[in-house]
Amino acid sequence: MNRRDFITFVGLGWIASSLPVLIAACSSQKPKGWQTVGTTEDLDKTGQLLAKNSPVGPVLVVGKSKSNNLIAVDPTCTHAGCTVQWKDDAQKFFCPCHASKFGNDGKVQTGPATKPLATYSVKIEKNSVLVMSR
């Protein structure tokens, strides 16, 4: 076997052995259904619960656990990827990077962002805050 054939053989073997790993990594799915993102105790401390590494991805829940008006969004700004902040007095989400403003429904009110924040259904069960995965 000459050097060229050997390198080709080794290269093809490496690709073939790596392919299942690459396919598995690309096809990972988020869990379905209601997922716990935090506790009511954490939510009630400040009226906000930021779960950056929840099972469904980043989630910002706003409100109090006894309220029927909980809001849950993906806090990643659709303009530049910064994490938006909730301003309770204005009842809006603000992006600290480029001043985009989003309503409590996630819709853009002031750019430069043009796409709304993704929203989640949210509920309280016992002492847990849950969101419905998308």
C-alpha atoms as a PDB file:
ATOM      1  CA  MET A   1       0.000   0.000   0.000  1.00  0.00           C
ATOM      2  CA  ASN A   2       1.466   3.347  -0.961  1.00  0.00           C
ATOM      3  CA  ARG A   3       1.310   6.492   1.160  1.00  0.00           C
ATOM      4  CA  ARG A   4      -1.567   8.081  -0.776  1.00  0.00           C
ATOM      5  CA  ASP A   5      -3.756   4.973  -0.405  1.00  0.00           C
ATOM      6  CA  PHE A   6      -2.925   4.750   3.290  1.00  0.00           C
ATOM      7  CA  ILE A   7      -3.849   8.417   3.951  1.00  0.00           C
ATOM      8  CA  THR A   8      -7.081   8.008   1.984  1.00  0.00           C
ATOM      9  CA  PHE A   9      -7.936   4.833   3.894  1.00  0.00           C
ATOM     10  CA  VAL A  10      -7.257   6.454   7.304  1.00  0.00           C
ATOM     11  CA  GLY A  11      -9.140   9.632   6.343  1.00  0.00           C
ATOM     12  CA  LEU A  12     -12.226   7.744   5.194  1.00  0.00           C
ATOM     13  CA  GLY A  13     -12.103   5.603   8.340  1.00  0.00           C
ATOM     14  CA  TRP A  14     -11.988   8.705  10.522  1.00  0.00           C
ATOM     15  CA  ILE A  15     -14.947  10.291   8.697  1.00  0.00           C
ATOM     16  CA  ALA A  16     -16.971   7.080   8.922  1.00  0.00           C
ATOM     17  CA  SER A  17     -16.280   6.673  12.634  1.00  0.00           C
ATOM     18  CA  SER A  18     -17.079  10.339  13.389  1.00  0.00           C
ATOM     19  CA  LEU A  19     -20.320  10.485  11.425  1.00  0.00           C
ATOM     20  CA  PRO A  20     -22.602   8.907  14.095  1.00  0.00           C
ATOM     21  CA  VAL A  21     -21.303  11.358  16.699  1.00  0.00           C
ATOM     22  CA  LEU A  22     -21.904  14.340  14.428  1.00  0.00           C
ATOM     23  CA  ILE A  23     -25.415  13.181  13.554  1.00  0.00           C
ATOM     24  CA  ALA A  24     -26.293  12.678  17.225  1.00  0.00           C
ATOM     25  CA  ALA A  25     -24.971  16.124  18.144  1.00  0.00           C
ATOM     26  CA  CYS A  26     -26.965  17.847  15.411  1.00  0.00           C
ATOM     27  CA  SER A  27     -30.211  16.049  16.160  1.00  0.00           C
ATOM     28  CA  SER A  28     -30.418  16.733  19.890  1.00  0.00           C
ATOM     29  CA  GLN A  29     -33.950  17.751  20.798  1.00  0.00           C
ATOM     30  CA  LYS A  30     -35.255  19.828  23.652  1.00  0.00           C
ATOM     31  CA  PRO A  31     -37.635  18.079  26.029  1.00  0.00           C
ATOM     32  CA  LYS A  32     -41.355  18.308  25.318  1.00  0.00           C
ATOM     33  CA  GLY A  33     -44.100  19.466  27.672  1.00  0.00           C
ATOM     34  CA  TRP A  34     -43.915  21.474  30.891  1.00  0.00           C
ATOM     35  CA  GLN A  35     -40.407  22.025  32.226  1.00  0.00           C
ATOM     36  CA  THR A  36     -39.342  23.383  35.621  1.00  0.00           C
ATOM     37  CA  VAL A  37     -37.273  26.571  35.338  1.00  0.00           C
ATOM     38  CA  GLY A  38     -37.137  27.597  39.007  1.00  0.00           C
ATOM     39  CA  THR A  39     -38.969  27.941  42.299  1.00  0.00           C
ATOM     40  CA  THR A  40     -41.736  30.272  43.406  1.00  0.00           C
ATOM     41  CA  GLU A  41     -39.457  31.417  46.227  1.00  0.00           C
ATOM     42  CA  ASP A  42     -36.854  32.646  43.723  1.00  0.00           C
ATOM     43  CA  LEU A  43     -39.528  34.312  41.576  1.00  0.00           C
ATOM     44  CA  ASP A  44     -41.148  36.107  44.516  1.00  0.00           C
ATOM     45  CA  LYS A  45     -37.846  37.566  45.817  1.00  0.00           C
ATOM     46  CA  THR A  46     -37.575  40.109  42.999  1.00  0.00           C
ATOM     47  CA  GLY A  47     -40.590  39.464  40.800  1.00  0.00           C
ATOM     48  CA  GLN A  48     -38.259  38.008  38.164  1.00  0.00           C
ATOM     49  CA  LEU A  49     -36.713  34.631  37.534  1.00  0.00           C
ATOM     50  CA  LEU A  50     -33.909  34.333  34.984  1.00  0.00           C
ATOM     51  CA  ALA A  51     -33.061  30.740  34.083  1.00  0.00           C
ATOM     52  CA  LYS A  52     -30.184  30.936  31.595  1.00  0.00           C
ATOM     53  CA  ASN A  53     -29.630  27.173  31.401  1.00  0.00           C
ATOM     54  CA  SER A  54     -33.120  25.736  31.733  1.00  0.00           C
ATOM     55  CA  PRO A  55     -34.125  22.540  29.899  1.00  0.00           C
ATOM     56  CA  VAL A  56     -35.850  24.671  27.220  1.00  0.00           C
ATOM     57  CA  GLY A  57     -33.096  27.275  26.890  1.00  0.00           C
ATOM     58  CA  PRO A  58     -32.918  30.771  28.411  1.00  0.00           C
ATOM     59  CA  VAL A  59     -36.153  31.885  30.101  1.00  0.00           C
ATOM     60  CA  LEU A  60     -37.110  35.072  31.939  1.00  0.00           C
ATOM     61  CA  VAL A  61     -40.289  34.796  34.021  1.00  0.00           C
ATOM     62  CA  VAL A  62     -41.822  38.000  35.372  1.00  0.00           C
ATOM     63  CA  GLY A  63     -44.516  38.373  38.052  1.00  0.00           C
ATOM     64  CA  LYS A  64     -45.411  36.955  41.435  1.00  0.00           C
ATOM     65  CA  SER A  65     -46.343  33.339  42.051  1.00  0.00           C
ATOM     66  CA  LYS A  66     -49.795  34.264  43.399  1.00  0.00           C
ATOM     67  CA  SER A  67     -50.550  36.309  40.258  1.00  0.00           C
ATOM     68  CA  ASN A  68     -52.467  35.121  37.234  1.00  0.00           C
ATOM     69  CA  ASN A  69     -50.434  37.482  35.031  1.00  0.00           C
ATOM     70  CA  LEU A  70     -47.106  35.693  34.737  1.00  0.00           C
ATOM     71  CA  ILE A  71     -45.013  36.476  31.672  1.00  0.00           C
ATOM     72  CA  ALA A  72     -42.304  34.189  30.281  1.00  0.00           C
ATOM     73  CA  VAL A  73     -40.007  35.033  27.369  1.00  0.00           C
ATOM     74  CA  ASP A  74     -36.723  33.987  25.865  1.00  0.00           C
ATOM     75  CA  PRO A  75     -34.639  36.949  27.097  1.00  0.00           C
ATOM     76  CA  THR A  76     -32.270  36.865  24.118  1.00  0.00           C
ATOM     77  CA  CYS A  77     -32.669  40.090  22.136  1.00  0.00           C
ATOM     78  CA  THR A  78     -33.511  39.334  18.532  1.00  0.00           C
ATOM     79  CA  HIS A  79     -31.245  42.137  17.317  1.00  0.00           C
ATOM     80  CA  ALA A  80     -27.802  41.349  18.727  1.00  0.00           C
ATOM     81  CA  GLY A  81     -28.298  38.507  21.212  1.00  0.00           C
ATOM     82  CA  CYS A  82     -27.951  40.524  24.437  1.00  0.00           C
ATOM     83  CA  THR A  83     -30.047  39.547  27.468  1.00  0.00           C
ATOM     84  CA  VAL A  84     -33.047  41.850  27.865  1.00  0.00           C
ATOM     85  CA  GLN A  85     -34.111  43.182  31.260  1.00  0.00           C
ATOM     86  CA  TRP A  86     -37.621  43.653  32.638  1.00  0.00           C
ATOM     87  CA  LYS A  87     -38.500  47.142  33.851  1.00  0.00           C
ATOM     88  CA  ASP A  88     -41.496  46.755  36.136  1.00  0.00           C
ATOM     89  CA  ASP A  89     -42.359  50.466  36.285  1.00  0.00           C
ATOM     90  CA  ALA A  90     -42.619  50.650  32.478  1.00  0.00           C
ATOM     91  CA  GLN A  91     -44.002  47.097  32.064  1.00  0.00           C
ATOM     92  CA  LYS A  92     -41.521  46.501  29.224  1.00  0.00           C
ATOM     93  CA  PHE A  93     -38.412  44.540  28.355  1.00  0.00           C
ATOM     94  CA  PHE A  94     -35.359  46.671  27.526  1.00  0.00           C
ATOM     95  CA  CYS A  95     -32.191  45.633  25.729  1.00  0.00           C
ATOM     96  CA  PRO A  96     -29.167  47.229  27.391  1.00  0.00           C
ATOM     97  CA  CYS A  97     -27.014  46.915  24.258  1.00  0.00           C
ATOM     98  CA  HIS A  98     -28.920  48.908  21.640  1.00  0.00           C
ATOM     99  CA  ALA A  99     -32.040  50.149  23.488  1.00  0.00           C
ATOM    100  CA  SER A 100     -34.636  47.974  21.793  1.00  0.00           C
ATOM    101  CA  LYS A 101     -37.898  47.852  23.739  1.00  0.00           C
ATOM    102  CA  PHE A 102     -40.358  44.989  23.827  1.00  0.00           C
ATOM    103  CA  GLY A 103     -43.886  44.929  25.258  1.00  0.00           C
ATOM    104  CA  ASN A 104     -44.959  42.460  27.909  1.00  0.00           C
ATOM    105  CA  ASP A 105     -46.165  40.261  25.036  1.00  0.00           C
ATOM    106  CA  GLY A 106     -42.643  40.172  23.565  1.00  0.00           C
ATOM    107  CA  LYS A 107     -43.529  42.343  20.551  1.00  0.00           C
ATOM    108  CA  VAL A 108     -41.054  44.981  19.406  1.00  0.00           C
ATOM    109  CA  GLN A 109     -42.037  48.511  20.406  1.00  0.00           C
ATOM    110  CA  THR A 110     -38.792  50.312  19.541  1.00  0.00           C
ATOM    111  CA  GLY A 111     -35.937  49.064  17.351  1.00  0.00           C
ATOM    112  CA  PRO A 112     -33.355  48.350  16.169  1.00  0.00           C
ATOM    113  CA  ALA A 113     -34.788  44.850  16.848  1.00  0.00           C
ATOM    114  CA  THR A 114     -37.393  43.848  14.259  1.00  0.00           C
ATOM    115  CA  LYS A 115     -38.454  40.397  15.519  1.00  0.00           C
ATOM    116  CA  PRO A 116     -40.371  39.779  18.762  1.00  0.00           C
ATOM    117  CA  LEU A 117     -39.026  37.866  21.744  1.00  0.00           C
ATOM    118  CA  ALA A 118     -40.127  34.238  21.821  1.00  0.00           C
ATOM    119  CA  THR A 119     -42.753  33.660  24.513  1.00  0.00           C
ATOM    120  CA  TYR A 120     -43.646  30.667  26.673  1.00  0.00           C
ATOM    121  CA  SER A 121     -46.783  29.539  28.423  1.00  0.00           C
ATOM    122  CA  VAL A 122     -46.063  29.615  32.144  1.00  0.00           C
ATOM    123  CA  LYS A 123     -47.728  28.159  35.238  1.00  0.00           C
ATOM    124  CA  ILE A 124     -47.119  27.479  38.913  1.00  0.00           C
ATOM    125  CA  GLU A 125     -47.381  23.962  40.342  1.00  0.00           C
ATOM    126  CA  LYS A 126     -46.780  23.585  44.063  1.00  0.00           C
ATOM    127  CA  ASN A 127     -43.472  25.465  44.568  1.00  0.00           C
ATOM    128  CA  SER A 128     -42.234  25.193  40.983  1.00  0.00           C
ATOM    129  CA  VAL A 129     -42.349  27.610  38.046  1.00  0.00           C
ATOM    130  CA  LEU A 130     -42.942  25.709  34.804  1.00  0.00           C
ATOM    131  CA  VAL A 131     -42.890  26.745  31.159  1.00  0.00           C
ATOM    132  CA  MET A 132     -44.165  24.878  28.124  1.00  0.00           C
ATOM    133  CA  SER A 133     -41.329  24.014  25.768  1.00  0.00           C
ATOM    134  CA  ARG A 134     -41.702  25.202  22.191  1.00  0.00           C
END
